[in-house]
N, C-alpha and C. Protein backbone atom coordinates (compact mmCIF):
# COMPACT_ATOMS: atom_id res chain seq x y z
N MET A 1 -21.39 13.40 77.84
CA MET A 1 -20.92 15.22 77.82
C MET A 1 -20.97 15.39 79.37
N THR A 2 -20.42 15.92 79.92
CA THR A 2 -20.74 16.27 81.46
C THR A 2 -21.43 17.65 81.52
N LYS A 3 -21.79 17.61 82.84
CA LYS A 3 -22.67 18.81 83.05
C LYS A 3 -21.82 19.83 83.44
N PRO A 4 -22.24 21.00 82.58
CA PRO A 4 -21.20 22.48 82.69
C PRO A 4 -20.81 23.17 83.72
N GLN A 5 -19.65 22.96 84.15
CA GLN A 5 -19.70 23.46 85.61
C GLN A 5 -19.86 25.41 85.56
N ILE A 6 -20.89 25.43 86.63
CA ILE A 6 -21.68 26.81 86.71
C ILE A 6 -21.11 27.67 88.17
N VAL A 7 -20.11 28.72 88.06
CA VAL A 7 -20.21 29.41 89.15
C VAL A 7 -21.28 31.04 89.21
N VAL A 8 -21.64 30.76 90.27
CA VAL A 8 -22.84 31.97 90.49
C VAL A 8 -21.92 32.97 91.75
N LYS A 9 -21.85 34.65 91.29
CA LYS A 9 -21.19 35.05 92.13
C LYS A 9 -21.46 36.49 92.13
N ILE A 10 -21.39 37.43 92.86
CA ILE A 10 -21.24 39.31 92.72
C ILE A 10 -20.30 39.02 92.07
N PRO A 11 -19.93 40.37 91.33
CA PRO A 11 -19.12 40.07 90.72
C PRO A 11 -18.23 41.22 91.41
N PRO A 12 -17.01 41.91 91.46
CA PRO A 12 -16.40 43.48 92.26
C PRO A 12 -17.15 44.72 91.31
N GLY A 13 -17.43 45.73 92.22
CA GLY A 13 -18.48 46.39 91.50
C GLY A 13 -17.49 47.54 90.15
N SER A 14 -15.95 46.74 90.23
CA SER A 14 -15.11 47.67 88.97
C SER A 14 -15.63 46.93 87.93
N ASP A 15 -16.21 45.78 87.61
CA ASP A 15 -16.90 45.03 86.57
C ASP A 15 -18.04 45.76 85.76
N ALA A 16 -18.47 46.81 86.16
CA ALA A 16 -19.04 48.08 85.73
C ALA A 16 -18.67 48.32 84.76
N GLU A 17 -17.23 48.63 84.57
CA GLU A 17 -16.24 49.29 83.50
C GLU A 17 -16.06 48.21 82.57
N ASP A 18 -16.09 46.79 82.64
CA ASP A 18 -15.80 46.15 81.95
C ASP A 18 -16.89 45.75 80.70
N LYS A 19 -17.04 46.55 79.39
CA LYS A 19 -17.92 47.15 78.37
C LYS A 19 -18.27 45.33 77.85
N SER A 20 -17.64 44.37 77.21
CA SER A 20 -18.01 43.02 77.33
C SER A 20 -18.85 42.85 78.42
N LEU A 21 -18.49 42.77 79.34
CA LEU A 21 -19.52 42.08 80.67
C LEU A 21 -20.43 42.18 80.31
N VAL A 22 -20.58 44.05 80.41
CA VAL A 22 -22.14 44.56 80.83
C VAL A 22 -22.66 44.65 79.45
N SER A 23 -22.04 44.23 77.84
CA SER A 23 -23.14 44.39 76.72
C SER A 23 -23.47 42.35 76.60
N ALA A 24 -22.60 41.99 76.99
CA ALA A 24 -23.05 40.10 77.05
C ALA A 24 -24.64 39.70 78.05
N LEU A 25 -24.41 40.49 78.97
CA LEU A 25 -25.70 40.48 79.91
C LEU A 25 -26.81 41.54 79.54
N THR A 26 -26.38 42.49 79.11
CA THR A 26 -27.60 43.28 78.28
C THR A 26 -28.06 42.54 77.98
N ASP A 27 -27.01 41.55 76.72
CA ASP A 27 -28.09 40.88 75.71
C ASP A 27 -28.85 39.63 76.22
N ILE A 28 -27.88 39.20 77.30
CA ILE A 28 -28.37 37.47 77.29
C ILE A 28 -30.06 38.32 78.27
N VAL A 29 -29.89 39.10 79.09
CA VAL A 29 -31.37 40.17 79.60
C VAL A 29 -32.29 40.66 78.39
N ASN A 30 -32.25 41.06 77.77
CA ASN A 30 -32.87 41.43 76.34
C ASN A 30 -33.26 40.19 75.91
N THR A 31 -32.57 39.13 75.46
CA THR A 31 -32.87 38.02 74.52
C THR A 31 -33.56 37.18 75.49
N ALA A 32 -33.87 36.85 76.71
CA ALA A 32 -34.78 36.26 77.03
C ALA A 32 -35.81 36.79 77.94
N TYR A 33 -35.94 38.16 77.81
CA TYR A 33 -37.18 38.39 78.63
C TYR A 33 -38.42 38.57 76.65
N THR A 34 -37.31 39.39 75.78
CA THR A 34 -38.34 39.26 74.25
C THR A 34 -38.56 38.08 74.10
N LYS A 35 -38.28 37.18 74.48
CA LYS A 35 -38.90 35.82 74.18
C LYS A 35 -39.76 35.30 75.45
N ALA A 36 -39.88 35.82 76.37
CA ALA A 36 -40.70 35.33 77.55
C ALA A 36 -41.64 36.52 77.21
N GLU A 37 -41.55 37.77 77.15
CA GLU A 37 -42.87 38.57 77.65
C GLU A 37 -42.85 39.48 76.16
N SER A 38 -42.50 39.13 75.11
CA SER A 38 -43.04 39.36 74.03
C SER A 38 -44.45 39.99 74.00
N ASP A 39 -45.43 38.99 74.33
CA ASP A 39 -46.68 39.37 74.00
C ASP A 39 -47.28 40.17 75.23
N ILE A 40 -46.62 40.69 75.86
CA ILE A 40 -47.02 41.34 77.35
C ILE A 40 -46.45 42.72 77.08
N PHE A 41 -45.47 42.83 76.64
CA PHE A 41 -45.01 44.59 75.87
C PHE A 41 -45.29 44.93 74.80
N ILE A 42 -45.00 46.47 74.82
CA ILE A 42 -45.07 46.48 73.10
C ILE A 42 -44.13 46.13 72.81
N PRO A 43 -44.05 46.00 71.11
CA PRO A 43 -42.54 45.46 70.35
C PRO A 43 -41.31 45.86 70.71
N SER A 44 -40.89 47.32 70.62
CA SER A 44 -40.27 48.07 70.84
C SER A 44 -39.74 47.97 72.11
N TYR A 45 -40.48 47.16 73.36
CA TYR A 45 -39.63 47.45 74.52
C TYR A 45 -38.39 46.31 75.03
N GLN A 46 -37.23 46.79 75.47
CA GLN A 46 -36.12 46.53 76.33
C GLN A 46 -36.42 45.87 77.42
N ARG A 47 -36.22 45.01 77.87
CA ARG A 47 -36.11 44.92 79.47
C ARG A 47 -35.13 45.85 80.55
N THR A 48 -33.89 45.53 79.51
CA THR A 48 -32.58 46.69 80.55
C THR A 48 -31.99 47.37 79.24
N SER A 49 -30.89 47.97 79.66
CA SER A 49 -29.73 48.66 78.77
C SER A 49 -28.45 48.72 79.66
N THR A 50 -27.61 49.08 78.94
CA THR A 50 -26.15 48.63 79.54
C THR A 50 -26.31 49.60 80.51
N ALA A 51 -26.49 50.63 80.47
CA ALA A 51 -26.31 51.46 81.94
C ALA A 51 -27.14 50.73 83.14
N GLU A 52 -27.95 50.60 82.88
CA GLU A 52 -28.89 49.93 84.27
C GLU A 52 -27.91 48.79 84.33
N ILE A 53 -27.77 47.90 83.41
CA ILE A 53 -26.47 46.76 83.91
C ILE A 53 -25.62 47.10 84.63
N ALA A 54 -24.88 47.99 84.04
CA ALA A 54 -23.55 48.46 84.66
C ALA A 54 -23.58 49.34 86.22
N LYS A 55 -25.05 50.34 86.51
CA LYS A 55 -25.50 50.82 87.55
C LYS A 55 -25.58 49.69 88.39
N PHE A 56 -26.46 47.97 88.09
CA PHE A 56 -26.51 47.26 88.87
C PHE A 56 -24.98 46.84 89.33
N LEU A 57 -24.53 46.24 88.39
CA LEU A 57 -22.74 45.94 88.83
C LEU A 57 -22.11 46.55 90.08
N SER A 58 -21.68 48.16 89.59
CA SER A 58 -21.48 49.40 90.44
C SER A 58 -21.69 49.12 92.27
N ASN A 59 -23.01 48.66 91.92
CA ASN A 59 -23.91 48.61 93.40
C ASN A 59 -23.48 47.30 94.14
N GLY A 60 -23.68 46.05 93.50
CA GLY A 60 -23.26 44.82 93.69
C GLY A 60 -24.54 44.43 93.76
N GLN A 61 -25.65 44.89 93.03
CA GLN A 61 -27.21 44.31 92.84
C GLN A 61 -27.14 43.08 91.67
N LEU A 62 -26.14 42.67 91.04
CA LEU A 62 -26.53 41.83 90.31
C LEU A 62 -25.38 40.77 90.13
N ALA A 63 -25.98 39.39 90.55
CA ALA A 63 -25.10 38.22 90.41
C ALA A 63 -25.78 37.96 88.85
N VAL A 64 -24.00 36.89 88.68
CA VAL A 64 -23.94 36.56 87.50
C VAL A 64 -23.50 35.01 87.64
N ALA A 65 -23.96 34.27 86.55
CA ALA A 65 -23.43 33.09 86.67
C ALA A 65 -22.64 32.57 85.44
N TYR A 66 -21.73 32.25 85.60
CA TYR A 66 -20.53 32.54 85.04
C TYR A 66 -19.98 30.83 84.55
N LEU A 67 -19.99 30.57 83.26
CA LEU A 67 -19.63 29.24 82.72
C LEU A 67 -18.13 28.80 83.16
N GLN A 68 -17.57 27.63 83.50
CA GLN A 68 -15.97 27.51 84.01
C GLN A 68 -15.59 26.30 82.53
N PRO A 69 -14.35 26.12 82.42
CA PRO A 69 -13.47 27.58 83.15
C PRO A 69 -12.93 29.05 82.20
N ASN A 70 -13.94 29.32 81.39
CA ASN A 70 -13.47 30.50 80.63
C ASN A 70 -14.21 31.29 81.40
N ASN A 71 -14.60 31.64 82.85
CA ASN A 71 -15.35 32.50 83.35
C ASN A 71 -16.57 33.29 82.51
N GLU A 72 -17.01 32.59 81.10
CA GLU A 72 -17.97 33.24 80.56
C GLU A 72 -19.65 33.38 80.95
N PRO A 73 -20.04 34.44 81.04
CA PRO A 73 -21.06 34.76 81.51
C PRO A 73 -22.41 34.68 80.78
N ILE A 74 -23.68 33.65 81.54
CA ILE A 74 -24.57 33.27 80.49
C ILE A 74 -25.92 33.28 81.58
N GLY A 75 -26.06 34.20 82.52
CA GLY A 75 -27.26 34.32 83.42
C GLY A 75 -27.02 35.80 84.40
N CYS A 76 -28.10 36.03 84.84
CA CYS A 76 -27.68 36.98 85.91
C CYS A 76 -28.98 36.80 86.43
N VAL A 77 -29.04 37.98 88.02
CA VAL A 77 -30.38 37.51 88.37
C VAL A 77 -30.26 38.95 89.53
N PHE A 78 -30.80 39.94 89.38
CA PHE A 78 -31.14 41.06 90.04
C PHE A 78 -31.28 41.12 91.48
N ILE A 79 -30.47 41.85 92.51
CA ILE A 79 -30.95 41.14 94.24
C ILE A 79 -30.84 42.74 95.01
N LYS A 80 -31.47 43.26 95.53
CA LYS A 80 -32.24 44.19 96.43
C LYS A 80 -32.61 43.86 98.02
N LEU A 81 -32.33 44.58 98.71
CA LEU A 81 -32.70 44.86 99.88
C LEU A 81 -33.98 46.17 99.76
N ILE A 82 -35.29 45.43 100.14
CA ILE A 82 -36.41 46.15 100.21
C ILE A 82 -36.99 47.45 101.55
N THR A 83 -36.37 46.49 102.54
CA THR A 83 -36.12 46.82 103.77
C THR A 83 -35.22 45.93 104.67
N PRO A 84 -34.63 46.06 105.75
CA PRO A 84 -33.50 45.17 106.28
C PRO A 84 -34.11 44.22 106.55
N THR A 85 -35.38 43.36 106.31
CA THR A 85 -35.47 42.18 106.73
C THR A 85 -36.18 41.39 105.21
N LEU A 86 -36.91 41.70 104.26
CA LEU A 86 -36.99 41.88 102.92
C LEU A 86 -36.08 41.76 101.43
N GLY A 87 -36.26 41.04 100.90
CA GLY A 87 -35.38 41.33 100.21
C GLY A 87 -36.16 41.23 98.82
N GLU A 88 -34.84 41.51 97.46
CA GLU A 88 -36.37 40.89 96.13
C GLU A 88 -35.37 40.27 95.38
N PHE A 89 -35.49 39.18 94.75
CA PHE A 89 -35.02 39.02 93.61
C PHE A 89 -35.76 39.03 91.87
N GLY A 90 -34.70 39.31 90.81
CA GLY A 90 -35.78 39.84 90.14
C GLY A 90 -35.17 39.76 88.78
N MET A 91 -35.29 39.92 87.23
CA MET A 91 -34.40 39.82 86.17
C MET A 91 -34.02 38.60 85.65
N LEU A 92 -33.94 37.85 86.03
CA LEU A 92 -33.60 36.11 86.32
C LEU A 92 -33.62 36.00 84.88
N ALA A 93 -32.32 35.71 84.45
CA ALA A 93 -31.99 35.74 82.73
C ALA A 93 -30.97 34.62 82.59
N LEU A 94 -31.08 33.76 81.34
CA LEU A 94 -30.04 33.06 80.93
C LEU A 94 -29.93 32.74 79.72
N ASP A 95 -28.50 32.47 79.16
CA ASP A 95 -28.50 32.21 77.79
C ASP A 95 -29.09 31.27 77.46
N PRO A 96 -30.02 31.34 76.37
CA PRO A 96 -31.04 30.31 76.25
C PRO A 96 -30.22 28.47 75.86
N GLN A 97 -29.15 28.55 75.19
CA GLN A 97 -28.95 27.48 75.09
C GLN A 97 -28.62 26.76 76.73
N TYR A 98 -28.39 27.59 78.07
CA TYR A 98 -28.50 26.89 79.36
C TYR A 98 -29.18 26.79 79.95
N GLN A 99 -31.18 26.97 79.23
CA GLN A 99 -31.92 26.74 80.02
C GLN A 99 -32.32 25.33 80.27
N GLY A 100 -32.56 24.82 81.50
CA GLY A 100 -33.51 23.85 81.81
C GLY A 100 -32.13 22.82 82.50
N ALA A 101 -31.56 23.30 82.89
CA ALA A 101 -30.19 22.51 83.42
C ALA A 101 -29.94 22.99 84.51
N GLY A 102 -31.00 23.90 85.40
CA GLY A 102 -30.61 24.28 87.02
C GLY A 102 -29.90 25.18 87.03
N THR A 103 -29.72 25.88 86.08
CA THR A 103 -28.65 27.22 86.57
C THR A 103 -29.89 27.80 86.64
N GLY A 104 -31.07 28.39 86.38
CA GLY A 104 -32.14 29.75 87.21
C GLY A 104 -32.01 29.04 88.87
N ARG A 105 -32.47 27.67 88.44
CA ARG A 105 -32.16 27.66 90.25
C ARG A 105 -31.75 28.08 90.95
N GLN A 106 -30.09 27.98 90.24
CA GLN A 106 -28.77 27.83 91.01
C GLN A 106 -28.92 29.73 91.03
N LEU A 107 -29.50 30.56 89.93
CA LEU A 107 -29.35 31.91 90.19
C LEU A 107 -30.46 32.04 91.59
N ALA A 108 -31.33 31.73 91.50
CA ALA A 108 -32.68 32.36 92.33
C ALA A 108 -32.56 31.92 94.02
N VAL A 109 -31.42 30.61 93.87
CA VAL A 109 -30.70 29.97 95.49
C VAL A 109 -29.57 30.80 96.08
N PHE A 110 -29.22 31.16 95.14
CA PHE A 110 -27.94 32.24 95.21
C PHE A 110 -29.01 33.64 95.67
N ALA A 111 -29.67 34.08 95.13
CA ALA A 111 -30.21 35.34 95.49
C ALA A 111 -31.03 35.09 97.02
N GLU A 112 -31.56 33.99 97.14
CA GLU A 112 -31.87 34.00 98.13
C GLU A 112 -30.73 33.93 99.82
N ASP A 113 -30.16 33.26 99.20
CA ASP A 113 -28.83 32.74 100.38
C ASP A 113 -28.18 34.29 100.67
N GLU A 114 -27.91 34.95 99.67
CA GLU A 114 -27.54 36.55 99.87
C GLU A 114 -28.05 37.64 100.53
N CYS A 115 -29.40 37.15 100.51
CA CYS A 115 -30.42 38.62 100.84
C CYS A 115 -30.61 37.54 102.82
N ARG A 116 -30.55 36.36 102.63
CA ARG A 116 -30.31 35.69 104.06
C ARG A 116 -29.19 35.91 104.76
N ARG A 117 -28.04 35.66 104.11
CA ARG A 117 -27.26 36.66 104.59
C ARG A 117 -26.95 38.00 105.10
N ARG A 118 -27.47 38.79 104.28
CA ARG A 118 -27.65 40.21 104.55
C ARG A 118 -28.39 40.57 106.14
N GLY A 119 -29.47 39.28 106.38
CA GLY A 119 -30.21 39.56 107.20
C GLY A 119 -31.57 39.39 107.37
N CYS A 120 -31.85 39.05 106.01
CA CYS A 120 -33.42 38.90 105.50
C CYS A 120 -34.00 37.67 106.22
N THR A 121 -35.48 37.87 106.52
CA THR A 121 -36.31 36.82 106.50
C THR A 121 -36.90 36.39 105.55
N THR A 122 -37.92 37.41 104.52
CA THR A 122 -38.35 37.35 103.61
C THR A 122 -37.72 37.66 102.45
N MET A 123 -37.99 36.82 101.27
CA MET A 123 -37.67 37.07 99.85
C MET A 123 -38.94 37.34 99.34
N GLN A 124 -38.90 38.49 98.46
CA GLN A 124 -40.28 38.84 97.27
C GLN A 124 -39.61 38.75 95.80
N LEU A 125 -40.41 38.07 95.04
CA LEU A 125 -40.36 38.29 93.64
C LEU A 125 -41.76 38.67 92.99
N GLU A 126 -41.96 39.42 91.76
CA GLU A 126 -42.90 39.87 91.10
C GLU A 126 -42.90 39.65 90.01
N ILE A 127 -44.30 39.40 89.31
CA ILE A 127 -44.51 38.56 87.83
C ILE A 127 -45.82 39.81 87.27
N LEU A 128 -45.27 39.39 86.16
CA LEU A 128 -46.51 40.19 85.32
C LEU A 128 -47.23 39.14 84.59
N VAL A 129 -48.60 38.60 84.83
CA VAL A 129 -49.48 37.56 83.94
C VAL A 129 -50.30 38.54 83.08
N PRO A 130 -50.41 38.26 81.82
CA PRO A 130 -51.47 39.05 80.77
C PRO A 130 -53.26 38.13 81.03
N MET A 131 -53.78 39.40 81.22
CA MET A 131 -55.36 38.99 81.60
C MET A 131 -56.30 38.60 80.28
N THR A 132 -55.55 38.42 78.82
CA THR A 132 -56.58 38.52 78.51
C THR A 132 -56.31 37.06 77.50
N PHE A 133 -55.26 36.21 77.76
CA PHE A 133 -55.31 34.80 77.31
C PHE A 133 -54.06 34.34 78.26
N HIS A 134 -54.18 32.52 78.27
CA HIS A 134 -53.34 31.61 78.72
C HIS A 134 -52.02 31.91 78.29
N HIS A 135 -51.06 32.42 78.87
CA HIS A 135 -49.43 32.56 78.41
C HIS A 135 -48.59 30.99 79.03
N GLU A 136 -48.16 30.61 78.02
CA GLU A 136 -47.66 29.08 78.63
C GLU A 136 -46.46 29.51 79.50
N GLY A 137 -45.52 29.83 79.19
CA GLY A 137 -44.53 30.80 79.66
C GLY A 137 -44.87 30.99 80.96
N LYS A 138 -45.47 32.17 81.18
CA LYS A 138 -45.74 32.29 82.77
C LYS A 138 -46.42 31.09 83.50
N ALA A 139 -47.50 30.28 82.98
CA ALA A 139 -47.80 29.29 83.41
C ALA A 139 -46.69 28.64 84.35
N ARG A 140 -45.45 28.13 83.28
CA ARG A 140 -44.42 27.56 84.10
C ARG A 140 -43.93 28.43 84.68
N LEU A 141 -43.40 28.99 84.85
CA LEU A 141 -42.76 30.47 85.79
C LEU A 141 -43.23 30.17 87.18
N LEU A 142 -44.91 30.31 87.12
CA LEU A 142 -45.41 30.26 88.37
C LEU A 142 -45.61 28.77 89.18
N GLY A 143 -45.66 27.67 88.34
CA GLY A 143 -45.63 26.61 88.69
C GLY A 143 -43.86 26.62 89.47
N TRP A 144 -43.03 26.73 89.00
CA TRP A 144 -41.69 26.80 89.33
C TRP A 144 -41.56 27.74 90.88
N TYR A 145 -41.84 28.61 90.53
CA TYR A 145 -41.80 29.74 92.12
C TYR A 145 -42.67 28.96 92.81
N THR A 146 -43.94 28.23 92.89
CA THR A 146 -44.46 27.98 93.81
C THR A 146 -43.74 26.57 94.28
N ARG A 147 -43.23 26.19 93.39
CA ARG A 147 -42.26 24.46 93.96
C ARG A 147 -41.48 24.88 94.53
N MET A 148 -40.88 26.29 94.17
CA MET A 148 -39.82 26.54 95.23
C MET A 148 -40.00 27.16 96.39
N GLY A 149 -41.30 27.60 96.76
CA GLY A 149 -41.93 28.06 98.00
C GLY A 149 -42.36 29.28 98.27
N TYR A 150 -42.58 29.75 97.00
CA TYR A 150 -42.68 31.17 96.85
C TYR A 150 -44.73 31.10 96.61
N GLU A 151 -45.16 32.00 97.79
CA GLU A 151 -46.98 32.28 97.89
C GLU A 151 -47.23 33.20 97.01
N LEU A 152 -48.17 33.62 96.41
CA LEU A 152 -48.84 34.80 96.01
C LEU A 152 -49.57 35.46 97.21
N VAL A 153 -49.08 36.81 97.47
CA VAL A 153 -49.24 37.29 98.90
C VAL A 153 -50.07 38.62 98.58
N LYS A 154 -50.04 39.57 97.26
CA LYS A 154 -50.72 40.07 96.83
C LYS A 154 -51.05 40.79 95.41
N LEU A 155 -52.12 41.56 95.02
CA LEU A 155 -52.24 41.45 93.69
C LEU A 155 -51.50 43.27 93.85
N GLY A 156 -50.48 43.58 93.47
CA GLY A 156 -50.09 44.90 92.82
C GLY A 156 -50.93 45.75 91.89
N ASN A 157 -50.21 47.25 91.68
CA ASN A 157 -51.17 48.09 90.51
C ASN A 157 -49.30 48.13 90.11
N PHE A 158 -49.25 48.17 89.11
CA PHE A 158 -48.12 48.11 88.40
C PHE A 158 -48.00 49.28 88.06
N ALA A 159 -48.43 50.33 87.72
CA ALA A 159 -48.83 51.86 87.63
C ALA A 159 -48.23 52.62 88.72
N ASP A 160 -48.66 51.67 90.20
CA ASP A 160 -47.99 53.12 91.30
C ASP A 160 -46.65 52.57 91.21
N ASP A 161 -46.17 50.98 91.43
CA ASP A 161 -44.73 50.72 91.16
C ASP A 161 -43.70 51.00 89.65
N TYR A 162 -44.17 51.13 88.95
CA TYR A 162 -43.19 51.11 87.59
C TYR A 162 -44.33 51.96 86.64
N PRO A 163 -44.67 53.40 87.01
CA PRO A 163 -45.39 54.19 86.04
C PRO A 163 -44.71 54.49 84.84
N ASP A 164 -43.22 54.42 85.12
CA ASP A 164 -42.17 54.23 83.42
C ASP A 164 -42.71 53.52 82.43
N LEU A 165 -42.91 52.06 83.47
CA LEU A 165 -43.54 51.03 82.06
C LEU A 165 -44.40 50.82 81.46
N VAL A 166 -45.70 51.42 82.37
CA VAL A 166 -47.03 50.75 82.27
C VAL A 166 -47.44 51.32 81.27
N ASN A 167 -47.12 52.26 80.10
CA ASN A 167 -47.90 52.69 78.94
C ASN A 167 -47.15 51.87 77.69
N LEU A 168 -45.75 50.81 78.23
CA LEU A 168 -45.26 50.34 77.56
C LEU A 168 -45.48 48.77 77.18
N LEU A 169 -47.19 48.53 78.03
CA LEU A 169 -47.70 47.16 78.16
C LEU A 169 -48.43 47.06 77.11
N ALA A 170 -48.55 45.65 76.52
CA ALA A 170 -49.69 45.55 75.03
C ALA A 170 -50.78 45.47 75.51
N GLY A 171 -50.77 45.19 76.89
CA GLY A 171 -52.85 44.58 77.12
C GLY A 171 -52.61 44.71 78.55
N PRO A 172 -54.12 44.27 78.89
CA PRO A 172 -54.47 44.27 80.71
C PRO A 172 -53.73 43.34 80.91
N THR A 173 -52.58 43.52 82.04
CA THR A 173 -51.88 42.15 83.03
C THR A 173 -52.18 42.56 84.31
N GLU A 174 -52.09 41.23 85.21
CA GLU A 174 -52.26 41.13 86.60
C GLU A 174 -50.55 41.15 87.33
N TYR A 175 -50.58 42.05 88.10
CA TYR A 175 -48.88 42.49 89.04
C TYR A 175 -49.43 41.43 90.41
N ARG A 176 -48.46 40.75 89.81
CA ARG A 176 -48.40 39.54 91.29
C ARG A 176 -46.98 39.55 92.22
N VAL A 177 -47.42 39.95 93.31
CA VAL A 177 -46.38 39.84 94.22
C VAL A 177 -46.33 38.66 95.01
N PHE A 178 -45.12 37.62 94.71
CA PHE A 178 -44.66 36.69 95.62
C PHE A 178 -43.87 36.57 96.60
N GLU A 179 -44.15 35.96 97.99
CA GLU A 179 -43.25 35.97 98.59
C GLU A 179 -42.52 34.28 99.72
N LYS A 180 -41.56 34.23 100.37
CA LYS A 180 -40.85 32.75 100.13
C LYS A 180 -40.10 33.50 101.64
N SER A 181 -40.60 32.42 102.86
CA SER A 181 -39.84 32.82 104.31
C SER A 181 -38.50 32.28 103.68
N LEU A 182 -37.86 32.93 104.49
CA LEU A 182 -36.00 32.85 104.52
C LEU A 182 -35.58 32.25 105.77
N VAL A 183 -36.47 31.98 106.91
CA VAL A 183 -35.98 31.09 108.13
C VAL A 183 -36.66 29.79 108.44
């Protein structure tokens, strides 16, 4: 069997009106995060909504991985410029059947390249790690980000940066901020 061809791109803002695309991406993100963070957040937590996905698409802040030749969305990553020289990616999510084949890395590299193209010299990402138990998925993710060149630069205050989400945490977490040079 040949490896599936995946194309990553930022779709036109008008794709925010495509209800099937918005719904598919919302489902992909929420499925991925429910699996990855079910014991970090309370059970009713949903990582995103159709309104948020539509907003990110409209603003050109969401890169989408499409399976070819049918242009089927299988994953996405949120991309944001924090300052003119600091970019950030987050909400990296893939349909479970495409995990482990390099598409996550393809999305992350696309986000880095896009921020570099926009003039960024540094890329940032954030990760929540539970403090009261070992989380195998987070340990794998931390190793993956480290291998990609990301270094821990600070322990943040989740309540300060995400006041609307802090009460949805299931227990104590460490909020870690990582950066990588893009030059």
